[in-house]
Amino acid sequence: ADTAHLSFGHGVHFCVGSQLARLEARIALSALFDRFPRLTAAFSELE
């Protein structure tokens, strides 16, 4: 229910590019998994 976060800051220094980052992420993620619905991880741990 609550996904509130401070990743883009708060107040007068709130990230001016937050909307752009969110838009890029929504477009990229949906397109990636639509294009490759059986994309498979090739890692056990990430560095």
All heavy atoms as atom14 arrays in JSON, in Angstrom:
{
  "sequence": "ADTAHLSFGHGVHFCVGSQLARLEARIALSALFDRFPRLTAAFSELE",
  "atom14_mask": [
    [1, 1, 1, 1, 1, 0, 0, 0, 0, 0, 0, 0, 0, 0],
    [1, 1, 1, 1, 1, 1, 1, 1, 0, 0, 0, 0, 0, 0],
    [1, 1, 1, 1, 1, 1, 1, 0, 0, 0, 0, 0, 0, 0],
    [1, 1, 1, 1, 1, 0, 0, 0, 0, 0, 0, 0, 0, 0],
    [1, 1, 1, 1, 1, 1, 1, 1, 1, 1, 0, 0, 0, 0],
    [1, 1, 1, 1, 1, 1, 1, 1, 0, 0, 0, 0, 0, 0],
    [1, 1, 1, 1, 1, 1, 0, 0, 0, 0, 0, 0, 0, 0],
    [1, 1, 1, 1, 1, 1, 1, 1, 1, 1, 1, 0, 0, 0],
    [1, 1, 1, 1, 0, 0, 0, 0, 0, 0, 0, 0, 0, 0],
    [1, 1, 1, 1, 1, 1, 1, 1, 1, 1, 0, 0, 0, 0],
    [1, 1, 1, 1, 0, 0, 0, 0, 0, 0, 0, 0, 0, 0],
    [1, 1, 1, 1, 1, 1, 1, 0, 0, 0, 0, 0, 0, 0],
    [1, 1, 1, 1, 1, 1, 1, 1, 1, 1, 0, 0, 0, 0],
    [1, 1, 1, 1, 1, 1, 1, 1, 1, 1, 1, 0, 0, 0],
    [1, 1, 1, 1, 1, 1, 0, 0, 0, 0, 0, 0, 0, 0],
    [1, 1, 1, 1, 1, 1, 1, 0, 0, 0, 0, 0, 0, 0],
    [1, 1, 1, 1, 0, 0, 0, 0, 0, 0, 0, 0, 0, 0],
    [1, 1, 1, 1, 1, 1, 0, 0, 0, 0, 0, 0, 0, 0],
    [1, 1, 1, 1, 1, 1, 1, 1, 1, 0, 0, 0, 0, 0],
    [1, 1, 1, 1, 1, 1, 1, 1, 0, 0, 0, 0, 0, 0],
    [1, 1, 1, 1, 1, 0, 0, 0, 0, 0, 0, 0, 0, 0],
    [1, 1, 1, 1, 1, 1, 1, 1, 1, 1, 1, 0, 0, 0],
    [1, 1, 1, 1, 1, 1, 1, 1, 0, 0, 0, 0, 0, 0],
    [1, 1, 1, 1, 1, 1, 1, 1, 1, 0, 0, 0, 0, 0],
    [1, 1, 1, 1, 1, 0, 0, 0, 0, 0, 0, 0, 0, 0],
    [1, 1, 1, 1, 1, 1, 1, 1, 1, 1, 1, 0, 0, 0],
    [1, 1, 1, 1, 1, 1, 1, 1, 0, 0, 0, 0, 0, 0],
    [1, 1, 1, 1, 1, 0, 0, 0, 0, 0, 0, 0, 0, 0],
    [1, 1, 1, 1, 1, 1, 1, 1, 0, 0, 0, 0, 0, 0],
    [1, 1, 1, 1, 1, 1, 0, 0, 0, 0, 0, 0, 0, 0],
    [1, 1, 1, 1, 1, 0, 0, 0, 0, 0, 0, 0, 0, 0],
    [1, 1, 1, 1, 1, 1, 1, 1, 0, 0, 0, 0, 0, 0],
    [1, 1, 1, 1, 1, 1, 1, 1, 1, 1, 1, 0, 0, 0],
    [1, 1, 1, 1, 1, 1, 1, 1, 0, 0, 0, 0, 0, 0],
    [1, 1, 1, 1, 1, 1, 1, 1, 1, 1, 1, 0, 0, 0],
    [1, 1, 1, 1, 1, 1, 1, 1, 1, 1, 1, 0, 0, 0],
    [1, 1, 1, 1, 1, 1, 1, 0, 0, 0, 0, 0, 0, 0],
    [1, 1, 1, 1, 1, 1, 1, 1, 1, 1, 1, 0, 0, 0],
    [1, 1, 1, 1, 1, 1, 1, 1, 0, 0, 0, 0, 0, 0],
    [1, 1, 1, 1, 1, 1, 1, 0, 0, 0, 0, 0, 0, 0],
    [1, 1, 1, 1, 1, 0, 0, 0, 0, 0, 0, 0, 0, 0],
    [1, 1, 1, 1, 1, 0, 0, 0, 0, 0, 0, 0, 0, 0],
    [1, 1, 1, 1, 1, 1, 1, 1, 1, 1, 1, 0, 0, 0],
    [1, 1, 1, 1, 1, 1, 0, 0, 0, 0, 0, 0, 0, 0],
    [1, 1, 1, 1, 1, 1, 1, 1, 1, 0, 0, 0, 0, 0],
    [1, 1, 1, 1, 1, 1, 1, 1, 0, 0, 0, 0, 0, 0],
    [1, 1, 1, 1, 1, 1, 1, 1, 1, 0, 0, 0, 0, 0]
  ],
  "atom14_positions": [
    [[0.82, -1.21, 0.0], [0.0, 0.0, 0.0], [0.85, 1.26, 0.0], [0.49, 2.27, -0.61], [-0.94, 0.0, 1.21], [0.0, 0.0, 0.0], [0.0, 0.0, 0.0], [0.0, 0.0, 0.0], [0.0, 0.0, 0.0], [0.0, 0.0, 0.0], [0.0, 0.0, 0.0], [0.0, 0.0, 0.0], [0.0, 0.0, 0.0], [0.0, 0.0, 0.0]],
    [[1.98, 1.2, 0.67], [2.82, 2.4, 0.81], [4.17, 2.17, 0.16], [5.02, 1.46, 0.69], [3.01, 2.73, 2.29], [3.85, 3.99, 2.5], [4.08, 4.72, 1.52], [4.26, 4.24, 3.65], [0.0, 0.0, 0.0], [0.0, 0.0, 0.0], [0.0, 0.0, 0.0], [0.0, 0.0, 0.0], [0.0, 0.0, 0.0], [0.0, 0.0, 0.0]],
    [[4.37, 2.75, -1.02], [5.66, 2.66, -1.7], [6.39, 4.01, -1.65], [7.28, 4.28, -2.46], [5.5, 2.23, -3.17], [4.66, 3.18, -3.85], [4.89, 0.85, -3.28], [0.0, 0.0, 0.0], [0.0, 0.0, 0.0], [0.0, 0.0, 0.0], [0.0, 0.0, 0.0], [0.0, 0.0, 0.0], [0.0, 0.0, 0.0], [0.0, 0.0, 0.0]],
    [[6.01, 4.85, -0.69], [6.65, 6.16, -0.56], [8.15, 5.99, -0.34], [8.58, 5.05, 0.34], [6.03, 6.94, 0.59], [0.0, 0.0, 0.0], [0.0, 0.0, 0.0], [0.0, 0.0, 0.0], [0.0, 0.0, 0.0], [0.0, 0.0, 0.0], [0.0, 0.0, 0.0], [0.0, 0.0, 0.0], [0.0, 0.0, 0.0], [0.0, 0.0, 0.0]],
    [[8.93, 6.88, -0.9], [10.39, 6.78, -0.77], [11.0, 8.17, -0.92], [10.33, 9.15, -1.27], [10.95, 5.85, -1.85], [10.61, 6.27, -3.26], [11.29, 7.28, -3.92], [9.66, 5.84, -4.13], [10.78, 7.44, -5.13], [9.78, 6.58, -5.28], [0.0, 0.0, 0.0], [0.0, 0.0, 0.0], [0.0, 0.0, 0.0], [0.0, 0.0, 0.0]],
    [[12.29, 8.22, -0.65], [13.03, 9.48, -0.73], [14.12, 9.43, -1.8], [15.05, 10.23, -1.79], [13.66, 9.8, 0.63], [12.68, 10.23, 1.72], [13.37, 10.24, 3.08], [12.11, 11.61, 1.41], [0.0, 0.0, 0.0], [0.0, 0.0, 0.0], [0.0, 0.0, 0.0], [0.0, 0.0, 0.0], [0.0, 0.0, 0.0], [0.0, 0.0, 0.0]],
    [[13.98, 8.51, -2.73], [15.03, 8.32, -3.73], [15.26, 9.53, -4.61], [16.35, 9.72, -5.15], [14.72, 7.09, -4.59], [14.75, 5.92, -3.8], [0.0, 0.0, 0.0], [0.0, 0.0, 0.0], [0.0, 0.0, 0.0], [0.0, 0.0, 0.0], [0.0, 0.0, 0.0], [0.0, 0.0, 0.0], [0.0, 0.0, 0.0], [0.0, 0.0, 0.0]],
    [[14.23, 10.34, -4.81], [14.38, 11.58, -5.58], [14.49, 12.8, -4.68], [14.43, 13.94, -5.15], [13.2, 11.76, -6.54], [13.19, 10.78, -7.68], [12.05, 10.03, -7.96], [14.3, 10.6, -8.47], [12.04, 9.13, -9.03], [14.31, 9.7, -9.54], [13.16, 8.96, -9.82], [0.0, 0.0, 0.0], [0.0, 0.0, 0.0], [0.0, 0.0, 0.0]],
    [[14.65, 12.58, -3.38], [14.78, 13.69, -2.45], [13.43, 14.21, -2.0], [12.4, 13.54, -2.09], [0.0, 0.0, 0.0], [0.0, 0.0, 0.0], [0.0, 0.0, 0.0], [0.0, 0.0, 0.0], [0.0, 0.0, 0.0], [0.0, 0.0, 0.0], [0.0, 0.0, 0.0], [0.0, 0.0, 0.0], [0.0, 0.0, 0.0], [0.0, 0.0, 0.0]],
    [[13.44, 15.46, -1.53], [12.25, 16.09, -1.0], [12.55, 17.58, -0.87], [13.69, 17.98, -0.68], [11.9, 15.49, 0.37], [10.73, 16.13, 1.05], [9.43, 15.95, 0.62], [10.65, 16.95, 2.13], [8.61, 16.63, 1.4], [9.32, 17.25, 2.32], [0.0, 0.0, 0.0], [0.0, 0.0, 0.0], [0.0, 0.0, 0.0], [0.0, 0.0, 0.0]],
    [[11.53, 18.4, -0.98], [11.73, 19.83, -0.8], [12.27, 20.51, -2.05], [12.08, 20.03, -3.17], [0.0, 0.0, 0.0], [0.0, 0.0, 0.0], [0.0, 0.0, 0.0], [0.0, 0.0, 0.0], [0.0, 0.0, 0.0], [0.0, 0.0, 0.0], [0.0, 0.0, 0.0], [0.0, 0.0, 0.0], [0.0, 0.0, 0.0], [0.0, 0.0, 0.0]],
    [[12.97, 21.62, -1.86], [13.39, 22.44, -3.0], [14.4, 21.74, -3.89], [14.55, 22.1, -5.07], [13.95, 23.8, -2.53], [12.88, 24.61, -1.83], [15.16, 23.61, -1.62], [0.0, 0.0, 0.0], [0.0, 0.0, 0.0], [0.0, 0.0, 0.0], [0.0, 0.0, 0.0], [0.0, 0.0, 0.0], [0.0, 0.0, 0.0], [0.0, 0.0, 0.0]],
    [[15.11, 20.74, -3.36], [16.09, 20.01, -4.17], [15.53, 18.7, -4.72], [16.3, 17.85, -5.18], [17.35, 19.73, -3.34], [18.27, 20.9, -3.23], [19.2, 21.22, -4.2], [18.4, 21.85, -2.26], [19.87, 22.3, -3.83], [19.4, 22.7, -2.66], [0.0, 0.0, 0.0], [0.0, 0.0, 0.0], [0.0, 0.0, 0.0], [0.0, 0.0, 0.0]],
    [[14.21, 18.55, -4.69], [13.6, 17.35, -5.28], [14.08, 17.23, -6.73], [14.12, 18.21, -7.48], [12.08, 17.44, -5.23], [11.38, 16.21, -5.72], [11.23, 15.11, -4.89], [10.87, 16.14, -7.01], [10.58, 13.96, -5.33], [10.22, 15.0, -7.46], [10.08, 13.9, -6.62], [0.0, 0.0, 0.0], [0.0, 0.0, 0.0], [0.0, 0.0, 0.0]],
    [[14.44, 16.02, -7.14], [15.06, 15.78, -8.44], [14.2, 16.31, -9.6], [13.07, 15.88, -9.79], [15.3, 14.29, -8.64], [16.01, 13.88, -10.24], [0.0, 0.0, 0.0], [0.0, 0.0, 0.0], [0.0, 0.0, 0.0], [0.0, 0.0, 0.0], [0.0, 0.0, 0.0], [0.0, 0.0, 0.0], [0.0, 0.0, 0.0], [0.0, 0.0, 0.0]],
    [[14.77, 17.24, -10.36], [14.03, 17.85, -11.46], [13.77, 16.85, -12.59], [12.85, 17.02, -13.38], [14.81, 19.09, -11.98], [16.06, 18.68, -12.74], [13.92, 19.97, -12.86], [0.0, 0.0, 0.0], [0.0, 0.0, 0.0], [0.0, 0.0, 0.0], [0.0, 0.0, 0.0], [0.0, 0.0, 0.0], [0.0, 0.0, 0.0], [0.0, 0.0, 0.0]],
    [[14.59, 15.8, -12.66], [14.43, 14.81, -13.72], [13.66, 13.57, -13.32], [13.68, 12.56, -14.04], [0.0, 0.0, 0.0], [0.0, 0.0, 0.0], [0.0, 0.0, 0.0], [0.0, 0.0, 0.0], [0.0, 0.0, 0.0], [0.0, 0.0, 0.0], [0.0, 0.0, 0.0], [0.0, 0.0, 0.0], [0.0, 0.0, 0.0], [0.0, 0.0, 0.0]],
    [[12.95, 13.62, -12.2], [12.26, 12.41, -11.7], [11.23, 11.89, -12.69], [11.1, 10.68, -12.88], [11.6, 12.71, -10.35], [10.66, 13.76, -10.46], [0.0, 0.0, 0.0], [0.0, 0.0, 0.0], [0.0, 0.0, 0.0], [0.0, 0.0, 0.0], [0.0, 0.0, 0.0], [0.0, 0.0, 0.0], [0.0, 0.0, 0.0], [0.0, 0.0, 0.0]],
    [[10.46, 12.79, -13.31], [9.45, 12.33, -14.27], [10.09, 11.64, -15.46], [9.56, 10.64, -15.97], [8.61, 13.51, -14.75], [7.69, 14.11, -13.72], [6.74, 15.13, -14.34], [5.72, 14.77, -14.93], [7.07, 16.41, -14.23], [0.0, 0.0, 0.0], [0.0, 0.0, 0.0], [0.0, 0.0, 0.0], [0.0, 0.0, 0.0], [0.0, 0.0, 0.0]],
    [[11.21, 12.17, -15.91], [11.9, 11.56, -17.05], [12.41, 10.17, -16.69], [12.26, 9.22, -17.47], [13.05, 12.45, -17.5], [13.9, 11.92, -18.66], [13.04, 11.67, -19.89], [15.04, 12.89, -18.98], [0.0, 0.0, 0.0], [0.0, 0.0, 0.0], [0.0, 0.0, 0.0], [0.0, 0.0, 0.0], [0.0, 0.0, 0.0], [0.0, 0.0, 0.0]],
    [[13.02, 10.02, -15.52], [13.52, 8.72, -15.1], [12.39, 7.69, -15.02], [12.54, 6.54, -15.45], [14.23, 8.85, -13.75], [0.0, 0.0, 0.0], [0.0, 0.0, 0.0], [0.0, 0.0, 0.0], [0.0, 0.0, 0.0], [0.0, 0.0, 0.0], [0.0, 0.0, 0.0], [0.0, 0.0, 0.0], [0.0, 0.0, 0.0], [0.0, 0.0, 0.0]],
    [[11.27, 8.1, -14.45], [10.14, 7.18, -14.33], [9.61, 6.78, -15.71], [9.29, 5.61, -15.95], [9.03, 7.85, -13.51], [9.32, 7.91, -12.01], [8.31, 8.76, -11.29], [8.31, 8.54, -9.85], [8.34, 9.49, -8.94], [8.39, 10.77, -9.32], [8.33, 9.19, -7.65], [0.0, 0.0, 0.0], [0.0, 0.0, 0.0], [0.0, 0.0, 0.0]],
    [[9.51, 7.75, -16.62], [9.01, 7.45, -17.96], [9.95, 6.49, -18.68], [9.5, 5.51, -19.3], [8.84, 8.74, -18.76], [8.33, 8.57, -20.2], [6.93, 7.96, -20.2], [8.33, 9.93, -20.92], [0.0, 0.0, 0.0], [0.0, 0.0, 0.0], [0.0, 0.0, 0.0], [0.0, 0.0, 0.0], [0.0, 0.0, 0.0], [0.0, 0.0, 0.0]],
    [[11.25, 6.76, -18.62], [12.21, 5.87, -19.26], [12.09, 4.45, -18.71], [12.13, 3.47, -19.47], [13.63, 6.39, -19.04], [13.96, 7.66, -19.8], [15.38, 8.11, -19.53], [16.31, 7.27, -19.56], [15.58, 9.31, -19.27], [0.0, 0.0, 0.0], [0.0, 0.0, 0.0], [0.0, 0.0, 0.0], [0.0, 0.0, 0.0], [0.0, 0.0, 0.0]],
    [[11.96, 4.34, -17.39], [11.89, 3.02, -16.77], [10.63, 2.28, -17.2], [10.68, 1.08, -17.53], [11.94, 3.15, -15.25], [0.0, 0.0, 0.0], [0.0, 0.0, 0.0], [0.0, 0.0, 0.0], [0.0, 0.0, 0.0], [0.0, 0.0, 0.0], [0.0, 0.0, 0.0], [0.0, 0.0, 0.0], [0.0, 0.0, 0.0], [0.0, 0.0, 0.0]],
    [[9.48, 2.96, -17.19], [8.23, 2.3, -17.6], [8.31, 1.81, -19.04], [7.92, 0.67, -19.35], [7.05, 3.25, -17.43], [6.69, 3.56, -15.99], [5.31, 4.21, -15.9], [5.22, 5.47, -16.62], [5.45, 6.67, -16.09], [5.82, 6.76, -14.81], [5.31, 7.76, -16.8], [0.0, 0.0, 0.0], [0.0, 0.0, 0.0], [0.0, 0.0, 0.0]],
    [[8.8, 2.66, -19.92], [8.89, 2.28, -21.33], [9.88, 1.13, -21.52], [9.59, 0.14, -22.2], [9.32, 3.5, -22.18], [8.19, 4.54, -22.21], [9.69, 3.07, -23.6], [8.59, 5.85, -22.87], [0.0, 0.0, 0.0], [0.0, 0.0, 0.0], [0.0, 0.0, 0.0], [0.0, 0.0, 0.0], [0.0, 0.0, 0.0], [0.0, 0.0, 0.0]],
    [[11.06, 1.26, -20.93], [12.11, 0.26, -21.13], [11.73, -1.1, -20.58], [11.91, -2.12, -21.25], [13.41, 0.75, -20.49], [0.0, 0.0, 0.0], [0.0, 0.0, 0.0], [0.0, 0.0, 0.0], [0.0, 0.0, 0.0], [0.0, 0.0, 0.0], [0.0, 0.0, 0.0], [0.0, 0.0, 0.0], [0.0, 0.0, 0.0], [0.0, 0.0, 0.0]],
    [[11.2, -1.13, -19.37], [10.88, -2.42, -18.74], [9.75, -3.13, -19.47], [9.84, -4.34, -19.74], [10.51, -2.2, -17.27], [11.66, -1.73, -16.37], [11.13, -1.32, -15.0], [12.73, -2.81, -16.23], [0.0, 0.0, 0.0], [0.0, 0.0, 0.0], [0.0, 0.0, 0.0], [0.0, 0.0, 0.0], [0.0, 0.0, 0.0], [0.0, 0.0, 0.0]],
    [[8.7, -2.41, -19.77], [7.57, -3.06, -20.45], [7.99, -3.55, -21.84], [7.61, -4.66, -22.25], [6.38, -2.11, -20.55], [6.71, -0.95, -21.29], [0.0, 0.0, 0.0], [0.0, 0.0, 0.0], [0.0, 0.0, 0.0], [0.0, 0.0, 0.0], [0.0, 0.0, 0.0], [0.0, 0.0, 0.0], [0.0, 0.0, 0.0], [0.0, 0.0, 0.0]],
    [[8.8, -2.75, -22.55], [9.23, -3.15, -23.89], [10.16, -4.36, -23.83], [10.06, -5.28, -24.66], [9.93, -1.98, -24.58], [0.0, 0.0, 0.0], [0.0, 0.0, 0.0], [0.0, 0.0, 0.0], [0.0, 0.0, 0.0], [0.0, 0.0, 0.0], [0.0, 0.0, 0.0], [0.0, 0.0, 0.0], [0.0, 0.0, 0.0], [0.0, 0.0, 0.0]],
    [[11.06, -4.39, -22.86], [12.0, -5.51, -22.73], [11.27, -6.82, -22.51], [11.53, -7.83, -23.19], [12.97, -5.24, -21.58], [13.92, -6.4, -21.21], [14.91, -6.64, -22.33], [14.64, -6.08, -19.89], [0.0, 0.0, 0.0], [0.0, 0.0, 0.0], [0.0, 0.0, 0.0], [0.0, 0.0, 0.0], [0.0, 0.0, 0.0], [0.0, 0.0, 0.0]],
    [[10.34, -6.84, -21.57], [9.68, -8.11, -21.24], [8.56, -8.45, -22.22], [8.16, -9.62, -22.31], [9.19, -8.07, -19.79], [10.31, -8.18, -18.8], [10.85, -7.05, -18.19], [10.87, -9.42, -18.5], [11.91, -7.15, -17.29], [11.93, -9.53, -17.6], [12.45, -8.4, -17.0], [0.0, 0.0, 0.0], [0.0, 0.0, 0.0], [0.0, 0.0, 0.0]],
    [[8.07, -7.48, -22.96], [7.14, -7.79, -24.06], [7.9, -8.42, -25.22], [7.42, -9.37, -25.86], [6.43, -6.52, -24.54], [5.31, -6.1, -23.62], [4.93, -6.9, -22.73], [4.81, -4.97, -23.77], [0.0, 0.0, 0.0], [0.0, 0.0, 0.0], [0.0, 0.0, 0.0], [0.0, 0.0, 0.0], [0.0, 0.0, 0.0], [0.0, 0.0, 0.0]],
    [[9.08, -7.87, -25.5], [9.87, -8.36, -26.63], [10.47, -9.73, -26.33], [10.57, -10.59, -27.22], [11.0, -7.35, -26.91], [11.89, -7.68, -28.11], [11.22, -7.37, -29.41], [12.12, -7.59, -30.53], [12.85, -6.64, -31.11], [12.78, -5.39, -30.67], [13.61, -6.93, -32.13], [0.0, 0.0, 0.0], [0.0, 0.0, 0.0], [0.0, 0.0, 0.0]],
    [[10.86, -9.95, -25.08], [11.49, -11.21, -24.7], [10.75, -11.81, -23.51], [11.22, -11.77, -22.37], [12.96, -10.99, -24.35], [13.76, -10.36, -25.45], [14.15, -9.04, -25.37], [14.09, -11.08, -26.59], [14.87, -8.44, -26.38], [14.81, -10.49, -27.62], [15.2, -9.17, -27.52], [0.0, 0.0, 0.0], [0.0, 0.0, 0.0], [0.0, 0.0, 0.0]],
    [[9.56, -12.39, -23.75], [8.74, -12.89, -22.64], [9.38, -14.05, -21.88], [8.96, -14.36, -20.77], [7.44, -13.32, -23.33], [7.81, -13.52, -24.76], [8.9, -12.58, -25.06], [0.0, 0.0, 0.0], [0.0, 0.0, 0.0], [0.0, 0.0, 0.0], [0.0, 0.0, 0.0], [0.0, 0.0, 0.0], [0.0, 0.0, 0.0], [0.0, 0.0, 0.0]],
    [[10.4, -14.67, -22.47], [11.09, -15.77, -21.78], [12.55, -15.42, -21.5], [13.41, -16.3, -21.47], [10.99, -17.05, -22.6], [9.55, -17.56, -22.71], [9.47, -18.86, -23.45], [8.09, -19.3, -23.61], [7.71, -20.38, -24.29], [8.62, -21.14, -24.86], [6.44, -20.7, -24.38], [0.0, 0.0, 0.0], [0.0, 0.0, 0.0], [0.0, 0.0, 0.0]],
    [[12.79, -14.17, -21.29], [14.12, -13.72, -20.92], [14.57, -14.48, -19.66], [13.81, -14.6, -18.69], [14.09, -12.22, -20.63], [15.42, -11.5, -20.42], [16.22, -11.45, -21.71], [15.16, -10.07, -19.92], [0.0, 0.0, 0.0], [0.0, 0.0, 0.0], [0.0, 0.0, 0.0], [0.0, 0.0, 0.0], [0.0, 0.0, 0.0], [0.0, 0.0, 0.0]],
    [[15.8, -14.98, -19.68], [16.27, -15.85, -18.61], [17.52, -15.28, -17.95], [18.44, -14.84, -18.64], [16.62, -17.25, -19.17], [15.48, -17.78, -19.86], [17.02, -18.19, -18.05], [0.0, 0.0, 0.0], [0.0, 0.0, 0.0], [0.0, 0.0, 0.0], [0.0, 0.0, 0.0], [0.0, 0.0, 0.0], [0.0, 0.0, 0.0], [0.0, 0.0, 0.0]],
    [[17.54, -15.27, -16.64], [18.71, -14.79, -15.91], [19.9, -15.7, -16.18], [19.77, -16.92, -16.24], [18.42, -14.74, -14.41], [0.0, 0.0, 0.0], [0.0, 0.0, 0.0], [0.0, 0.0, 0.0], [0.0, 0.0, 0.0], [0.0, 0.0, 0.0], [0.0, 0.0, 0.0], [0.0, 0.0, 0.0], [0.0, 0.0, 0.0], [0.0, 0.0, 0.0]],
    [[21.07, -15.1, -16.34], [22.31, -15.86, -16.53], [23.31, -15.5, -15.43], [24.5, -15.35, -15.66], [22.9, -15.58, -17.91], [0.0, 0.0, 0.0], [0.0, 0.0, 0.0], [0.0, 0.0, 0.0], [0.0, 0.0, 0.0], [0.0, 0.0, 0.0], [0.0, 0.0, 0.0], [0.0, 0.0, 0.0], [0.0, 0.0, 0.0], [0.0, 0.0, 0.0]],
    [[22.78, -15.33, -14.23], [23.62, -15.0, -13.09], [23.05, -15.7, -11.86], [21.86, -16.0, -11.79], [23.64, -13.48, -12.85], [22.28, -12.87, -12.66], [21.66, -12.87, -11.42], [21.59, -12.31, -13.74], [20.4, -12.31, -11.24], [20.33, -11.75, -13.56], [19.73, -11.75, -12.32], [0.0, 0.0, 0.0], [0.0, 0.0, 0.0], [0.0, 0.0, 0.0]],
    [[23.91, -15.98, -10.9], [23.47, -16.5, -9.61], [23.54, -15.4, -8.57], [22.66, -15.26, -7.73], [24.31, -17.7, -9.19], [25.68, -17.37, -9.17], [0.0, 0.0, 0.0], [0.0, 0.0, 0.0], [0.0, 0.0, 0.0], [0.0, 0.0, 0.0], [0.0, 0.0, 0.0], [0.0, 0.0, 0.0], [0.0, 0.0, 0.0], [0.0, 0.0, 0.0]],
    [[24.61, -14.6, -8.63], [24.75, -13.44, -7.77], [25.22, -12.27, -8.62], [25.87, -12.46, -9.65], [25.77, -13.7, -6.64], [25.31, -14.74, -5.64], [26.3, -14.87, -4.49], [27.27, -14.09, -4.45], [26.09, -15.76, -3.65], [0.0, 0.0, 0.0], [0.0, 0.0, 0.0], [0.0, 0.0, 0.0], [0.0, 0.0, 0.0], [0.0, 0.0, 0.0]],
    [[24.87, -11.08, -8.19], [25.27, -9.88, -8.91], [26.28, -9.1, -8.09], [26.11, -8.93, -6.88], [24.05, -9.0, -9.21], [23.06, -9.58, -10.22], [21.76, -8.78, -10.22], [23.67, -9.59, -11.62], [0.0, 0.0, 0.0], [0.0, 0.0, 0.0], [0.0, 0.0, 0.0], [0.0, 0.0, 0.0], [0.0, 0.0, 0.0], [0.0, 0.0, 0.0]],
    [[27.32, -8.63, -8.76], [28.38, -7.89, -8.06], [28.01, -6.41, -7.96], [27.66, -5.77, -8.95], [29.69, -8.04, -8.82], [30.87, -7.35, -8.15], [32.16, -7.49, -8.93], [32.17, -8.22, -9.95], [33.16, -6.86, -8.53], [0.0, 0.0, 0.0], [0.0, 0.0, 0.0], [0.0, 0.0, 0.0], [0.0, 0.0, 0.0], [0.0, 0.0, 0.0]]
  ]
}
